Amino acid sequence: MSGPRSSLREISLRIGLWLLLGGWIGSWASFGLLVAPTAFRGLPSTELAGRVVGPVVSALHGYGAVAGVLLALLAWILRRGALLIVLPLAAAALCAYSELSITPQIAAIRPLVFGPEGNPELAARFHLLHRVSVAIFVCVGLTAVGLLAAHVRADLARSEGDLP
């Protein structure tokens, strides 16, 4: 079916895709470049800064998991190809893994690391988990930027008539 209704449908799908992707990249960049550095620089202790940024990270993980699935669905509906379906699903899975596995482990040992019973082994475990969490965050952010470039390319190719 072609015509005004199909054009409106495709435009609506593309708007949804761009809003989801822009929200994902924007929230990731705002957190990584503004919120986290400000909290760790401005609050009196790293333990307090961790308590402040922890819920924000959880919200970002939730958004990333949902946005990744929705972006994959939109890419499938728009016939964008396997890579643009698989990449957001992989990023969504990383967000879910970090939130459901890494974040609870960090939360469980945080009071022990920063409390009076802290010890070098717990501190080393905490720092390893934190590094893994940051690596996942960076990987998901870079994936989202890669998705941006790939979707721009797909839209340009479509507008030039290179794709069906």
Protein backbone atom coordinates (compact mmCIF):
# COMPACT_ATOMS: atom_id res chain seq x y z
CA MET A 1 0.00 0.00 0.00
CA SER A 2 1.41 3.36 -1.00
CA GLY A 3 0.08 6.82 -0.73
CA PRO A 4 -0.51 9.34 2.04
CA ARG A 5 -1.36 6.75 4.71
CA SER A 6 1.78 4.68 4.12
CA SER A 7 3.90 7.84 3.98
CA LEU A 8 2.41 9.02 7.27
CA ARG A 9 3.06 5.59 8.78
CA GLU A 10 6.69 5.58 7.67
CA ILE A 11 7.22 9.14 8.86
CA SER A 12 5.71 8.25 12.24
CA LEU A 13 7.93 5.18 12.55
CA ARG A 14 11.02 7.19 11.64
CA ILE A 15 10.11 9.93 14.12
CA GLY A 16 9.76 7.30 16.83
CA LEU A 17 13.11 5.78 15.88
CA TRP A 18 14.89 9.14 15.97
CA LEU A 19 13.29 10.16 19.27
CA LEU A 20 14.25 6.87 20.92
CA LEU A 21 17.78 7.00 19.58
CA GLY A 22 18.22 10.68 20.42
CA GLY A 23 16.90 10.13 23.92
CA TRP A 24 19.26 7.21 24.42
CA ILE A 25 22.35 9.06 23.21
CA GLY A 26 21.38 12.28 24.97
CA SER A 27 20.72 10.65 28.32
CA TRP A 28 23.92 8.60 28.12
CA ALA A 29 25.99 11.66 27.19
CA SER A 30 24.37 13.85 29.86
CA PHE A 31 25.06 11.29 32.52
CA GLY A 32 28.60 10.42 31.44
CA LEU A 33 29.72 13.97 30.72
CA LEU A 34 27.78 15.97 33.32
CA VAL A 35 25.96 14.11 36.08
CA ALA A 36 28.55 11.53 37.15
CA PRO A 37 31.60 13.81 36.99
CA THR A 38 29.75 16.56 38.84
CA ALA A 39 28.57 14.19 41.56
CA PHE A 40 32.03 12.72 42.12
CA ARG A 41 33.69 16.12 42.03
CA GLY A 42 31.11 18.06 44.04
CA LEU A 43 29.94 15.70 46.77
CA PRO A 44 32.02 15.20 49.91
CA SER A 45 32.71 11.47 49.37
CA THR A 46 32.80 8.92 46.57
CA GLU A 47 30.44 6.75 48.63
CA LEU A 48 27.82 9.54 48.67
CA ALA A 49 28.36 10.26 44.98
CA GLY A 50 27.81 6.56 44.26
CA ARG A 51 24.53 6.66 46.16
CA VAL A 52 23.40 9.63 44.09
CA VAL A 53 24.38 8.29 40.67
CA GLY A 54 23.30 4.70 41.31
CA PRO A 55 19.56 5.32 40.81
CA VAL A 56 20.32 7.36 37.69
CA VAL A 57 22.34 4.48 36.25
CA SER A 58 19.44 2.12 37.01
CA ALA A 59 17.03 4.41 35.15
CA LEU A 60 19.43 4.60 32.20
CA HIS A 61 19.72 0.82 32.13
CA GLY A 62 15.94 0.53 32.08
CA TYR A 63 15.64 3.06 29.27
CA GLY A 64 18.42 1.35 27.32
CA ALA A 65 16.81 -2.07 27.63
CA VAL A 66 13.43 -0.80 26.44
CA ALA A 67 14.83 1.55 23.78
CA GLY A 68 17.05 -1.18 22.34
CA VAL A 69 14.13 -3.55 21.89
CA LEU A 70 11.93 -0.83 20.40
CA LEU A 71 14.71 0.33 18.06
CA ALA A 72 15.19 -3.24 16.86
CA LEU A 73 11.45 -3.53 16.25
CA LEU A 74 11.38 -0.24 14.34
CA ALA A 75 14.40 -1.28 12.27
CA TRP A 76 12.65 -4.54 11.43
CA ILE A 77 9.41 -2.78 10.45
CA LEU A 78 11.35 -0.25 8.36
CA ARG A 79 13.37 -3.11 6.77
CA ARG A 80 16.68 -1.64 7.85
CA GLY A 81 18.61 -4.94 7.81
CA ALA A 82 19.95 -7.45 10.29
CA LEU A 83 22.71 -5.29 11.75
CA LEU A 84 20.27 -2.53 12.74
CA ILE A 85 18.10 -5.16 14.41
CA VAL A 86 20.85 -7.08 16.20
CA LEU A 87 22.91 -4.13 17.49
CA PRO A 88 20.17 -2.48 19.55
CA LEU A 89 19.15 -5.89 20.92
CA ALA A 90 22.75 -6.53 21.97
CA ALA A 91 22.93 -3.10 23.64
CA ALA A 92 19.59 -3.75 25.37
CA ALA A 93 20.92 -7.08 26.63
CA LEU A 94 24.04 -5.36 27.99
CA CYS A 95 21.85 -2.82 29.80
CA ALA A 96 19.73 -5.60 31.29
CA TYR A 97 22.80 -7.62 32.28
CA SER A 98 24.42 -4.65 33.95
CA GLU A 99 21.25 -3.75 35.84
CA LEU A 100 20.32 -7.29 36.86
CA SER A 101 23.80 -8.66 37.58
CA ILE A 102 26.47 -5.98 38.06
CA THR A 103 24.41 -3.29 39.82
CA PRO A 104 23.04 -5.60 42.56
CA GLN A 105 26.54 -6.91 43.29
CA ILE A 106 27.86 -3.37 43.61
CA ALA A 107 24.93 -2.40 45.84
CA ALA A 108 25.48 -5.45 48.06
CA ILE A 109 29.14 -4.76 48.76
CA ARG A 110 29.10 -0.93 48.72
CA PRO A 111 28.24 -0.65 52.46
CA LEU A 112 30.90 -3.21 53.31
CA VAL A 113 33.58 -1.49 51.24
CA PHE A 114 32.88 1.98 52.61
CA GLY A 115 31.97 0.85 56.13
CA PRO A 116 34.21 0.06 59.08
CA GLU A 117 34.47 -3.62 58.12
CA GLY A 118 35.85 -2.86 54.66
CA ASN A 119 38.80 -4.89 53.50
CA PRO A 120 41.15 -4.96 50.51
CA GLU A 121 39.45 -7.99 48.90
CA LEU A 122 36.02 -6.34 48.96
CA ALA A 123 37.48 -3.08 47.71
CA ALA A 124 39.17 -4.90 44.82
CA ARG A 125 35.89 -6.67 43.95
CA PHE A 126 33.98 -3.37 44.11
CA HIS A 127 36.48 -1.64 41.81
CA LEU A 128 36.41 -4.54 39.33
CA LEU A 129 32.61 -4.48 39.21
CA HIS A 130 32.68 -0.71 38.80
CA ARG A 131 35.15 -0.98 35.90
CA VAL A 132 32.94 -3.60 34.23
CA SER A 133 29.90 -1.37 34.72
CA VAL A 134 31.70 1.62 33.19
CA ALA A 135 32.95 -0.51 30.27
CA ILE A 136 29.39 -1.68 29.56
CA PHE A 137 28.15 1.91 29.80
CA VAL A 138 30.76 3.08 27.29
CA CYS A 139 30.09 0.13 24.98
CA VAL A 140 26.35 0.80 24.97
CA GLY A 141 26.93 4.52 24.36
CA LEU A 142 29.25 3.83 21.44
CA THR A 143 26.78 1.32 20.05
CA ALA A 144 24.02 3.94 20.20
CA VAL A 145 26.24 6.43 18.32
CA GLY A 146 27.03 3.70 15.77
CA LEU A 147 23.30 3.09 15.38
CA LEU A 148 22.84 6.81 14.77
CA ALA A 149 25.37 6.74 11.94
CA ALA A 150 23.88 3.57 10.45
CA HIS A 151 20.34 4.94 10.53
CA VAL A 152 21.47 8.22 8.97
CA ARG A 153 23.10 6.19 6.21
CA ALA A 154 19.94 4.12 5.74
CA ASP A 155 17.76 7.23 5.55
CA LEU A 156 20.11 8.92 3.07
CA ALA A 157 20.26 5.82 0.89
CA ARG A 158 16.47 5.54 0.93
CA SER A 159 16.02 9.23 0.05
CA GLU A 160 18.46 8.83 -2.87
CA GLY A 161 16.55 5.80 -4.11
CA ASP A 162 19.35 3.31 -3.47
CA LEU A 163 17.13 1.13 -1.27
CA PRO A 164 13.65 -0.18 -1.92
